[in-house]
C-alpha atoms as a PDB file:
ATOM      1  CA  MET A   1       1.407 -18.479 -13.558  1.00  0.00           C
ATOM      2  CA  ASP A   2       3.341 -15.811 -12.767  1.00  0.00           C
ATOM      3  CA  ARG A   3       5.396 -15.707  -9.077  1.00  0.00           C
ATOM      4  CA  LEU A   4       2.796 -13.173  -7.571  1.00  0.00           C
ATOM      5  CA  GLU A   5      -0.199 -15.657  -8.907  1.00  0.00           C
ATOM      6  CA  ASP A   6       1.462 -18.624  -8.118  1.00  0.00           C
ATOM      7  CA  ASP A   7       2.235 -17.637  -4.312  1.00  0.00           C
ATOM      8  CA  LEU A   8      -0.724 -16.015  -3.779  1.00  0.00           C
ATOM      9  CA  ILE A   9      -2.784 -19.279  -4.406  1.00  0.00           C
ATOM     10  CA  LYS A  10      -0.557 -21.908  -3.851  1.00  0.00           C
ATOM     11  CA  LYS A  11       1.162 -20.692  -1.224  1.00  0.00           C
ATOM     12  CA  GLY A  12      -1.624 -18.483   0.400  1.00  0.00           C
ATOM     13  CA  GLU A  13       0.712 -15.520   1.081  1.00  0.00           C
ATOM     14  CA  ARG A  14      -0.822 -12.429   1.907  1.00  0.00           C
ATOM     15  CA  LYS A  15       1.427  -9.746   3.657  1.00  0.00           C
ATOM     16  CA  VAL A  16       3.163  -7.830   0.871  1.00  0.00           C
ATOM     17  CA  GLU A  17       6.120  -6.699   2.524  1.00  0.00           C
ATOM     18  CA  LEU A  18       6.585 -10.821   3.086  1.00  0.00           C
ATOM     19  CA  TRP A  19       6.367 -11.159  -0.489  1.00  0.00           C
ATOM     20  CA  VAL A  20       8.195  -8.485  -1.363  1.00  0.00           C
ATOM     21  CA  ASN A  21      11.128  -9.029   0.651  1.00  0.00           C
ATOM     22  CA  ASN A  22      11.291 -12.934  -0.899  1.00  0.00           C
ATOM     23  CA  ILE A  23      11.437 -11.403  -4.396  1.00  0.00           C
ATOM     24  CA  GLY A  24      13.894  -8.953  -3.736  1.00  0.00           C
ATOM     25  CA  ILE A  25      12.932  -4.923  -3.880  1.00  0.00           C
ATOM     26  CA  LYS A  26      14.445  -1.771  -4.635  1.00  0.00           C
ATOM     27  CA  THR A  27      13.816   1.249  -1.731  1.00  0.00           C
ATOM     28  CA  ILE A  28      13.370   4.429  -2.589  1.00  0.00           C
ATOM     29  CA  ASN A  29      12.395   7.723  -0.834  1.00  0.00           C
ATOM     30  CA  MET A  30      10.002   9.585  -2.303  1.00  0.00           C
ATOM     31  CA  GLU A  31       8.584  13.115  -0.383  1.00  0.00           C
ATOM     32  CA  PHE A  32       5.174  14.333  -1.767  1.00  0.00           C
ATOM     33  CA  LYS A  33       4.881  18.393  -1.674  1.00  0.00           C
ATOM     34  CA  ASN A  34       0.854  17.634  -0.630  1.00  0.00           C
ATOM     35  CA  ASN A  35      -0.787  14.808   0.563  1.00  0.00           C
ATOM     36  CA  ASP A  36       0.786  11.367   0.400  1.00  0.00           C
ATOM     37  CA  PRO A  37      -0.806   9.241  -2.568  1.00  0.00           C
ATOM     38  CA  PHE A  38      -0.508   6.263  -0.735  1.00  0.00           C
ATOM     39  CA  PHE A  39      -2.511   7.313   2.591  1.00  0.00           C
ATOM     40  CA  ASN A  40      -3.786   3.934   3.436  1.00  0.00           C
ATOM     41  CA  ILE A  41      -6.892   3.952   4.737  1.00  0.00           C
ATOM     42  CA  ASN A  42      -7.834   0.766   7.621  1.00  0.00           C
ATOM     43  CA  THR A  43      -9.651   1.985  10.865  1.00  0.00           C
ATOM     44  CA  LYS A  44     -12.835   4.801  11.023  1.00  0.00           C
ATOM     45  CA  GLU A  45     -10.590   7.204  11.916  1.00  0.00           C
ATOM     46  CA  ASP A  46      -8.429   6.876   8.605  1.00  0.00           C
ATOM     47  CA  LEU A  47     -11.339   7.455   6.573  1.00  0.00           C
ATOM     48  CA  GLU A  48     -12.193  10.347   8.355  1.00  0.00           C
ATOM     49  CA  LYS A  49      -8.513  11.757   8.095  1.00  0.00           C
ATOM     50  CA  ALA A  50      -9.107  10.696   4.314  1.00  0.00           C
ATOM     51  CA  LYS A  51     -12.346  12.843   3.868  1.00  0.00           C
ATOM     52  CA  GLU A  52     -11.120  15.672   5.188  1.00  0.00           C
ATOM     53  CA  LEU A  53      -8.287  15.480   2.964  1.00  0.00           C
ATOM     54  CA  MET A  54     -10.577  15.032   0.123  1.00  0.00           C
ATOM     55  CA  LYS A  55     -12.051  18.419   1.081  1.00  0.00           C
ATOM     56  CA  ASN A  56      -9.110  20.301   1.441  1.00  0.00           C
ATOM     57  CA  ASN A  57      -8.010  19.540  -2.096  1.00  0.00           C
ATOM     58  CA  ASP A  58     -11.364  20.656  -3.655  1.00  0.00           C
END
């Protein structure tokens, strides 16, 4: 079983930030000319913003 699977199943870890801090991470800075491809949709407002962004990309 790999580390991610072990932490998810045996330890019940669900927060990605905690998990990556435990395994060690490297931080990189990225800039995007257009929209952030990692845009996170958590709310209805985020979804509406995503829809608008998609319309503008057509």
